[in-house]
């Protein structure tokens, strides 16, 4: 047990040397210590503003249940928008290899969580992505990482769909790319029109997927029909 604790302490010290980010243990219990990675200065600024927001909506930021809320929300916001620190195209290009395979590759049901840039309320759903390689393949997990990198920003679904398509097209130069995104938007479910069962579908295609036969093959593979 002492050896494990010594290793954890050394690892913590090594990680804390990161110039841009600090690593903070958020628990004092020796049996469990969660380490969060965040920038102190940014968190403190966000914490200050969230405290003020609580006051402005009529709450008491000093009551017991809200004492740590501004700090928690600050860290949560940095996590939910971590996509700004990611380069999706670089992710793809980090795992590219040559191959003669030139048939459709589909990665479907990629679950994502994003935030509407108009109300900063979540929207979430699934992305279905396909490409037809032209001599270059990428790791399958990289496709999901690209979706996540664009989702973890303030977004609109339409732009996110196109960004995913353009990233894959530019990074891999395939014969074609297809992207379909289906999502539920809480900004129109829990406020506004309050339509709880609505689902928004967006799509974008390049190259070979402009052909009806190829596009329909993709739509059949993901089990989707446009009405």
C-alpha atoms as a PDB file:
ATOM      1  CA  UNK A   1       0.000   0.000   0.000  1.00  0.00           C
ATOM      2  CA  UNK A   2       2.837   2.394   0.868  1.00  0.00           C
ATOM      3  CA  UNK A   3       4.477   1.654  -2.495  1.00  0.00           C
ATOM      4  CA  UNK A   4       1.251   2.503  -4.318  1.00  0.00           C
ATOM      5  CA  UNK A   5       0.894   5.771  -2.395  1.00  0.00           C
ATOM      6  CA  UNK A   6       4.519   6.657  -3.168  1.00  0.00           C
ATOM      7  CA  UNK A   7       3.923   6.021  -6.873  1.00  0.00           C
ATOM      8  CA  UNK A   8       0.763   8.153  -6.849  1.00  0.00           C
ATOM      9  CA  UNK A   9       2.651  10.972  -5.128  1.00  0.00           C
ATOM     10  CA  UNK A  10       5.466  10.881  -7.697  1.00  0.00           C
ATOM     11  CA  UNK A  11       2.964  10.791 -10.560  1.00  0.00           C
ATOM     12  CA  UNK A  12       1.101  13.742  -9.082  1.00  0.00           C
ATOM     13  CA  UNK A  13       4.364  15.717  -8.799  1.00  0.00           C
ATOM     14  CA  UNK A  14       5.310  14.926 -12.395  1.00  0.00           C
ATOM     15  CA  UNK A  15       1.937  15.958 -13.770  1.00  0.00           C
ATOM     16  CA  UNK A  16       1.978  19.151 -11.729  1.00  0.00           C
ATOM     17  CA  UNK A  17       5.032  20.341 -13.639  1.00  0.00           C
ATOM     18  CA  UNK A  18       2.837  21.127 -16.648  1.00  0.00           C
ATOM     19  CA  UNK A  19       3.364  24.836 -17.291  1.00  0.00           C
ATOM     20  CA  UNK A  20      -0.102  25.533 -18.633  1.00  0.00           C
ATOM     21  CA  UNK A  21      -2.256  23.509 -16.297  1.00  0.00           C
ATOM     22  CA  UNK A  22      -2.332  22.615 -12.610  1.00  0.00           C
ATOM     23  CA  UNK A  23      -3.406  19.310 -11.138  1.00  0.00           C
ATOM     24  CA  UNK A  24      -5.448  19.523  -7.973  1.00  0.00           C
ATOM     25  CA  UNK A  25      -6.632  16.746  -5.710  1.00  0.00           C
ATOM     26  CA  UNK A  26     -10.270  17.456  -4.870  1.00  0.00           C
ATOM     27  CA  UNK A  27     -10.627  14.925  -2.083  1.00  0.00           C
ATOM     28  CA  UNK A  28      -8.862  14.690   1.278  1.00  0.00           C
ATOM     29  CA  UNK A  29      -9.820  11.042   1.882  1.00  0.00           C
ATOM     30  CA  UNK A  30      -6.652   8.958   1.496  1.00  0.00           C
ATOM     31  CA  UNK A  31      -8.702   6.087   0.064  1.00  0.00           C
ATOM     32  CA  UNK A  32      -9.809   8.140  -2.906  1.00  0.00           C
ATOM     33  CA  UNK A  33      -8.190  11.129  -4.547  1.00  0.00           C
ATOM     34  CA  UNK A  34      -9.569  12.486  -7.798  1.00  0.00           C
ATOM     35  CA  UNK A  35      -7.135  14.625  -9.745  1.00  0.00           C
ATOM     36  CA  UNK A  36      -8.595  17.351 -11.939  1.00  0.00           C
ATOM     37  CA  UNK A  37      -6.682  19.174 -14.635  1.00  0.00           C
ATOM     38  CA  UNK A  38      -7.556  22.830 -14.991  1.00  0.00           C
ATOM     39  CA  UNK A  39      -6.093  26.307 -15.230  1.00  0.00           C
ATOM     40  CA  UNK A  40      -6.314  28.066 -11.853  1.00  0.00           C
ATOM     41  CA  UNK A  41      -6.613  31.582 -13.237  1.00  0.00           C
ATOM     42  CA  UNK A  42      -9.438  30.715 -15.631  1.00  0.00           C
ATOM     43  CA  UNK A  43     -11.318  28.743 -13.007  1.00  0.00           C
ATOM     44  CA  UNK A  44     -11.127  31.600 -10.515  1.00  0.00           C
ATOM     45  CA  UNK A  45     -12.390  34.126 -13.053  1.00  0.00           C
ATOM     46  CA  UNK A  46     -15.271  31.868 -14.061  1.00  0.00           C
ATOM     47  CA  UNK A  47     -16.038  31.129 -10.417  1.00  0.00           C
ATOM     48  CA  UNK A  48     -16.326  34.857  -9.705  1.00  0.00           C
ATOM     49  CA  UNK A  49     -18.796  35.378 -12.552  1.00  0.00           C
ATOM     50  CA  UNK A  50     -20.926  32.348 -11.685  1.00  0.00           C
ATOM     51  CA  UNK A  51     -21.153  33.572  -8.108  1.00  0.00           C
ATOM     52  CA  UNK A  52     -22.449  36.880  -9.436  1.00  0.00           C
ATOM     53  CA  UNK A  53     -24.959  35.081 -11.671  1.00  0.00           C
ATOM     54  CA  UNK A  54     -26.347  33.266  -8.631  1.00  0.00           C
ATOM     55  CA  UNK A  55     -26.798  36.590  -6.876  1.00  0.00           C
ATOM     56  CA  UNK A  56     -28.466  38.196  -9.898  1.00  0.00           C
ATOM     57  CA  UNK A  57     -31.086  35.452 -10.245  1.00  0.00           C
ATOM     58  CA  UNK A  58     -32.073  35.948  -6.607  1.00  0.00           C
ATOM     59  CA  UNK A  59     -30.077  33.195  -4.921  1.00  0.00           C
ATOM     60  CA  UNK A  60     -27.779  33.426  -1.926  1.00  0.00           C
ATOM     61  CA  UNK A  61     -24.337  32.223  -3.081  1.00  0.00           C
ATOM     62  CA  UNK A  62     -23.279  31.964   0.570  1.00  0.00           C
ATOM     63  CA  UNK A  63     -25.856  29.384   1.580  1.00  0.00           C
ATOM     64  CA  UNK A  64     -24.525  25.898   2.264  1.00  0.00           C
ATOM     65  CA  UNK A  65     -25.802  24.204  -0.875  1.00  0.00           C
ATOM     66  CA  UNK A  66     -24.283  26.820  -3.176  1.00  0.00           C
ATOM     67  CA  UNK A  67     -20.936  27.516  -1.520  1.00  0.00           C
ATOM     68  CA  UNK A  68     -18.963  25.357  -3.956  1.00  0.00           C
ATOM     69  CA  UNK A  69     -21.362  25.641  -6.898  1.00  0.00           C
ATOM     70  CA  UNK A  70     -19.501  28.462  -8.732  1.00  0.00           C
ATOM     71  CA  UNK A  71     -16.257  26.460  -8.506  1.00  0.00           C
ATOM     72  CA  UNK A  72     -17.919  23.261  -9.705  1.00  0.00           C
ATOM     73  CA  UNK A  73     -19.666  24.991 -12.593  1.00  0.00           C
ATOM     74  CA  UNK A  74     -16.421  26.698 -13.632  1.00  0.00           C
ATOM     75  CA  UNK A  75     -14.645  23.361 -13.901  1.00  0.00           C
ATOM     76  CA  UNK A  76     -17.652  21.811 -15.611  1.00  0.00           C
ATOM     77  CA  UNK A  77     -17.697  24.553 -18.234  1.00  0.00           C
ATOM     78  CA  UNK A  78     -14.015  24.020 -19.013  1.00  0.00           C
ATOM     79  CA  UNK A  79     -14.652  20.298 -19.441  1.00  0.00           C
ATOM     80  CA  UNK A  80     -17.701  20.823 -21.650  1.00  0.00           C
ATOM     81  CA  UNK A  81     -15.777  23.207 -23.918  1.00  0.00           C
ATOM     82  CA  UNK A  82     -12.458  21.356 -24.026  1.00  0.00           C
ATOM     83  CA  UNK A  83     -12.832  21.017 -27.786  1.00  0.00           C
ATOM     84  CA  UNK A  84     -11.330  24.486 -28.193  1.00  0.00           C
ATOM     85  CA  UNK A  85      -8.011  23.010 -27.072  1.00  0.00           C
ATOM     86  CA  UNK A  86      -8.188  20.144 -29.584  1.00  0.00           C
ATOM     87  CA  UNK A  87      -7.103  19.981 -33.224  1.00  0.00           C
ATOM     88  CA  UNK A  88      -9.403  17.412 -34.881  1.00  0.00           C
ATOM     89  CA  UNK A  89      -7.456  17.251 -38.150  1.00  0.00           C
ATOM     90  CA  UNK A  90      -4.234  16.649 -36.244  1.00  0.00           C
ATOM     91  CA  UNK A  91      -5.986  13.795 -34.439  1.00  0.00           C
ATOM     92  CA  UNK A  92      -6.834  12.160 -37.753  1.00  0.00           C
ATOM     93  CA  UNK A  93      -3.385  12.648 -39.221  1.00  0.00           C
ATOM     94  CA  UNK A  94      -1.740  11.131 -36.136  1.00  0.00           C
ATOM     95  CA  UNK A  95      -2.995   7.702 -37.189  1.00  0.00           C
ATOM     96  CA  UNK A  96      -2.893   7.635 -40.992  1.00  0.00           C
ATOM     97  CA  UNK A  97      -1.576   4.649 -42.913  1.00  0.00           C
ATOM     98  CA  UNK A  98      -1.634   3.615 -46.554  1.00  0.00           C
ATOM     99  CA  UNK A  99      -3.826   0.837 -47.866  1.00  0.00           C
ATOM    100  CA  UNK A 100      -5.515  -0.086 -51.135  1.00  0.00           C
ATOM    101  CA  UNK A 101      -8.934  -0.609 -49.537  1.00  0.00           C
ATOM    102  CA  UNK A 102     -11.431   1.573 -51.425  1.00  0.00           C
ATOM    103  CA  UNK A 103     -14.817   0.543 -50.105  1.00  0.00           C
ATOM    104  CA  UNK A 104     -17.058   2.437 -47.744  1.00  0.00           C
ATOM    105  CA  UNK A 105     -16.024   2.679 -44.072  1.00  0.00           C
ATOM    106  CA  UNK A 106     -18.862   3.567 -41.688  1.00  0.00           C
ATOM    107  CA  UNK A 107     -18.639   4.490 -38.027  1.00  0.00           C
ATOM    108  CA  UNK A 108     -22.183   4.920 -36.757  1.00  0.00           C
ATOM    109  CA  UNK A 109     -23.933   5.693 -33.483  1.00  0.00           C
ATOM    110  CA  UNK A 110     -21.154   7.942 -32.169  1.00  0.00           C
ATOM    111  CA  UNK A 111     -22.723   9.452 -29.056  1.00  0.00           C
ATOM    112  CA  UNK A 112     -21.904  13.120 -28.471  1.00  0.00           C
ATOM    113  CA  UNK A 113     -22.825  15.917 -26.073  1.00  0.00           C
ATOM    114  CA  UNK A 114     -22.625  19.557 -27.063  1.00  0.00           C
ATOM    115  CA  UNK A 115     -23.956  22.965 -26.044  1.00  0.00           C
ATOM    116  CA  UNK A 116     -26.141  25.253 -28.110  1.00  0.00           C
ATOM    117  CA  UNK A 117     -24.304  28.531 -28.641  1.00  0.00           C
ATOM    118  CA  UNK A 118     -27.554  30.523 -28.512  1.00  0.00           C
ATOM    119  CA  UNK A 119     -28.700  29.527 -25.028  1.00  0.00           C
ATOM    120  CA  UNK A 120     -25.753  27.483 -23.713  1.00  0.00           C
ATOM    121  CA  UNK A 121     -28.100  24.579 -23.087  1.00  0.00           C
ATOM    122  CA  UNK A 122     -27.097  21.024 -24.063  1.00  0.00           C
ATOM    123  CA  UNK A 123     -27.974  19.212 -27.241  1.00  0.00           C
ATOM    124  CA  UNK A 124     -26.971  15.602 -27.653  1.00  0.00           C
ATOM    125  CA  UNK A 125     -27.395  12.644 -29.936  1.00  0.00           C
ATOM    126  CA  UNK A 126     -25.559  10.423 -32.390  1.00  0.00           C
ATOM    127  CA  UNK A 127     -23.319  11.041 -35.375  1.00  0.00           C
ATOM    128  CA  UNK A 128     -22.916   8.631 -38.270  1.00  0.00           C
ATOM    129  CA  UNK A 129     -19.783   9.089 -40.362  1.00  0.00           C
ATOM    130  CA  UNK A 130     -18.516   7.363 -43.483  1.00  0.00           C
ATOM    131  CA  UNK A 131     -15.693   7.827 -45.944  1.00  0.00           C
ATOM    132  CA  UNK A 132     -14.373   6.036 -49.016  1.00  0.00           C
ATOM    133  CA  UNK A 133     -10.566   5.964 -48.777  1.00  0.00           C
ATOM    134  CA  UNK A 134      -8.282   6.962 -51.591  1.00  0.00           C
ATOM    135  CA  UNK A 135      -5.109   5.218 -50.455  1.00  0.00           C
ATOM    136  CA  UNK A 136      -5.170   6.536 -46.864  1.00  0.00           C
ATOM    137  CA  UNK A 137      -6.923   5.094 -43.799  1.00  0.00           C
ATOM    138  CA  UNK A 138      -7.184   6.397 -40.257  1.00  0.00           C
ATOM    139  CA  UNK A 139      -7.841   4.685 -36.935  1.00  0.00           C
ATOM    140  CA  UNK A 140     -11.553   4.125 -36.332  1.00  0.00           C
ATOM    141  CA  UNK A 141     -11.397   5.730 -32.898  1.00  0.00           C
ATOM    142  CA  UNK A 142     -10.068   8.913 -34.491  1.00  0.00           C
ATOM    143  CA  UNK A 143     -13.392   9.420 -36.263  1.00  0.00           C
ATOM    144  CA  UNK A 144     -15.178   9.392 -32.908  1.00  0.00           C
ATOM    145  CA  UNK A 145     -12.550  11.743 -31.464  1.00  0.00           C
ATOM    146  CA  UNK A 146     -13.154  14.219 -34.296  1.00  0.00           C
ATOM    147  CA  UNK A 147     -16.881  14.222 -33.510  1.00  0.00           C
ATOM    148  CA  UNK A 148     -16.165  14.788 -29.830  1.00  0.00           C
ATOM    149  CA  UNK A 149     -13.656  17.576 -30.494  1.00  0.00           C
ATOM    150  CA  UNK A 150     -16.196  19.574 -32.472  1.00  0.00           C
ATOM    151  CA  UNK A 151     -19.045  18.742 -30.090  1.00  0.00           C
ATOM    152  CA  UNK A 152     -17.168  19.986 -27.014  1.00  0.00           C
ATOM    153  CA  UNK A 153     -17.597  23.614 -28.015  1.00  0.00           C
ATOM    154  CA  UNK A 154     -20.423  26.116 -28.182  1.00  0.00           C
ATOM    155  CA  UNK A 155     -22.079  24.838 -31.322  1.00  0.00           C
ATOM    156  CA  UNK A 156     -24.971  24.655 -33.704  1.00  0.00           C
ATOM    157  CA  UNK A 157     -25.728  21.244 -35.134  1.00  0.00           C
ATOM    158  CA  UNK A 158     -25.585  22.414 -38.737  1.00  0.00           C
ATOM    159  CA  UNK A 159     -22.059  23.797 -38.438  1.00  0.00           C
ATOM    160  CA  UNK A 160     -20.806  20.817 -36.452  1.00  0.00           C
ATOM    161  CA  UNK A 161     -21.995  18.465 -39.216  1.00  0.00           C
ATOM    162  CA  UNK A 162     -20.086  20.400 -41.864  1.00  0.00           C
ATOM    163  CA  UNK A 163     -16.970  20.760 -39.707  1.00  0.00           C
ATOM    164  CA  UNK A 164     -16.742  16.997 -39.236  1.00  0.00           C
ATOM    165  CA  UNK A 165     -17.126  16.465 -42.980  1.00  0.00           C
ATOM    166  CA  UNK A 166     -14.547  19.082 -43.933  1.00  0.00           C
ATOM    167  CA  UNK A 167     -12.009  17.850 -41.392  1.00  0.00           C
ATOM    168  CA  UNK A 168     -12.100  14.285 -42.723  1.00  0.00           C
ATOM    169  CA  UNK A 169     -12.065  15.465 -46.328  1.00  0.00           C
ATOM    170  CA  UNK A 170      -9.084  17.757 -45.793  1.00  0.00           C
ATOM    171  CA  UNK A 171      -7.075  15.373 -43.609  1.00  0.00           C
ATOM    172  CA  UNK A 172      -7.524  12.170 -45.619  1.00  0.00           C
ATOM    173  CA  UNK A 173      -8.447  13.388 -49.115  1.00  0.00           C
ATOM    174  CA  UNK A 174     -10.851  10.456 -49.569  1.00  0.00           C
ATOM    175  CA  UNK A 175     -13.121   9.758 -52.543  1.00  0.00           C
ATOM    176  CA  UNK A 176     -16.027  10.994 -50.464  1.00  0.00           C
ATOM    177  CA  UNK A 177     -17.291  11.751 -46.950  1.00  0.00           C
ATOM    178  CA  UNK A 178     -20.784  11.407 -45.489  1.00  0.00           C
ATOM    179  CA  UNK A 179     -21.992  12.736 -42.151  1.00  0.00           C
ATOM    180  CA  UNK A 180     -25.447  12.465 -40.596  1.00  0.00           C
ATOM    181  CA  UNK A 181     -26.148  13.900 -37.151  1.00  0.00           C
ATOM    182  CA  UNK A 182     -29.314  13.297 -35.142  1.00  0.00           C
ATOM    183  CA  UNK A 183     -29.832  15.252 -31.941  1.00  0.00           C
ATOM    184  CA  UNK A 184     -32.250  16.380 -29.280  1.00  0.00           C
ATOM    185  CA  UNK A 185     -31.998  20.036 -28.308  1.00  0.00           C
ATOM    186  CA  UNK A 186     -32.927  20.927 -24.750  1.00  0.00           C
ATOM    187  CA  UNK A 187     -33.187  24.572 -25.787  1.00  0.00           C
ATOM    188  CA  UNK A 188     -36.425  23.664 -27.578  1.00  0.00           C
ATOM    189  CA  UNK A 189     -37.512  20.887 -25.218  1.00  0.00           C
ATOM    190  CA  UNK A 190     -37.259  22.485 -21.770  1.00  0.00           C
ATOM    191  CA  UNK A 191     -37.849  26.103 -22.860  1.00  0.00           C
ATOM    192  CA  UNK A 192     -39.242  28.039 -25.818  1.00  0.00           C
ATOM    193  CA  UNK A 193     -41.593  25.867 -27.861  1.00  0.00           C
ATOM    194  CA  UNK A 194     -41.240  23.025 -25.301  1.00  0.00           C
ATOM    195  CA  UNK A 195     -41.396  20.209 -27.844  1.00  0.00           C
ATOM    196  CA  UNK A 196     -40.073  17.208 -25.863  1.00  0.00           C
ATOM    197  CA  UNK A 197     -40.085  14.589 -28.622  1.00  0.00           C
ATOM    198  CA  UNK A 198     -38.451  16.550 -31.425  1.00  0.00           C
ATOM    199  CA  UNK A 199     -35.283  15.267 -33.104  1.00  0.00           C
ATOM    200  CA  UNK A 200     -33.200  17.330 -35.518  1.00  0.00           C
ATOM    201  CA  UNK A 201     -31.339  15.623 -38.378  1.00  0.00           C
ATOM    202  CA  UNK A 202     -28.578  17.258 -40.427  1.00  0.00           C
ATOM    203  CA  UNK A 203     -26.408  15.818 -43.181  1.00  0.00           C
ATOM    204  CA  UNK A 204     -23.512  16.748 -45.438  1.00  0.00           C
ATOM    205  CA  UNK A 205     -21.798  14.846 -48.248  1.00  0.00           C
ATOM    206  CA  UNK A 206     -18.795  15.163 -50.530  1.00  0.00           C
ATOM    207  CA  UNK A 207     -17.461  13.370 -53.590  1.00  0.00           C
ATOM    208  CA  UNK A 208     -18.830   9.875 -54.217  1.00  0.00           C
ATOM    209  CA  UNK A 209     -21.644  10.408 -51.716  1.00  0.00           C
ATOM    210  CA  UNK A 210     -23.183  12.992 -54.019  1.00  0.00           C
ATOM    211  CA  UNK A 211     -24.194   9.991 -56.108  1.00  0.00           C
ATOM    212  CA  UNK A 212     -27.652   8.741 -55.117  1.00  0.00           C
ATOM    213  CA  UNK A 213     -26.658   5.059 -55.180  1.00  0.00           C
ATOM    214  CA  UNK A 214     -23.654   5.549 -52.874  1.00  0.00           C
ATOM    215  CA  UNK A 215     -25.540   7.895 -50.580  1.00  0.00           C
ATOM    216  CA  UNK A 216     -28.483   5.477 -50.289  1.00  0.00           C
ATOM    217  CA  UNK A 217     -26.104   2.618 -49.466  1.00  0.00           C
ATOM    218  CA  UNK A 218     -24.732   4.700 -46.596  1.00  0.00           C
ATOM    219  CA  UNK A 219     -28.209   5.628 -45.362  1.00  0.00           C
ATOM    220  CA  UNK A 220     -29.255   1.972 -45.465  1.00  0.00           C
ATOM    221  CA  UNK A 221     -26.177   0.950 -43.482  1.00  0.00           C
ATOM    222  CA  UNK A 222     -26.963   3.414 -40.703  1.00  0.00           C
ATOM    223  CA  UNK A 223     -30.638   2.527 -40.835  1.00  0.00           C
ATOM    224  CA  UNK A 224     -31.791   6.040 -41.621  1.00  0.00           C
ATOM    225  CA  UNK A 225     -34.476   7.278 -43.978  1.00  0.00           C
ATOM    226  CA  UNK A 226     -35.075  10.903 -44.878  1.00  0.00           C
ATOM    227  CA  UNK A 227     -38.775  11.741 -44.950  1.00  0.00           C
END
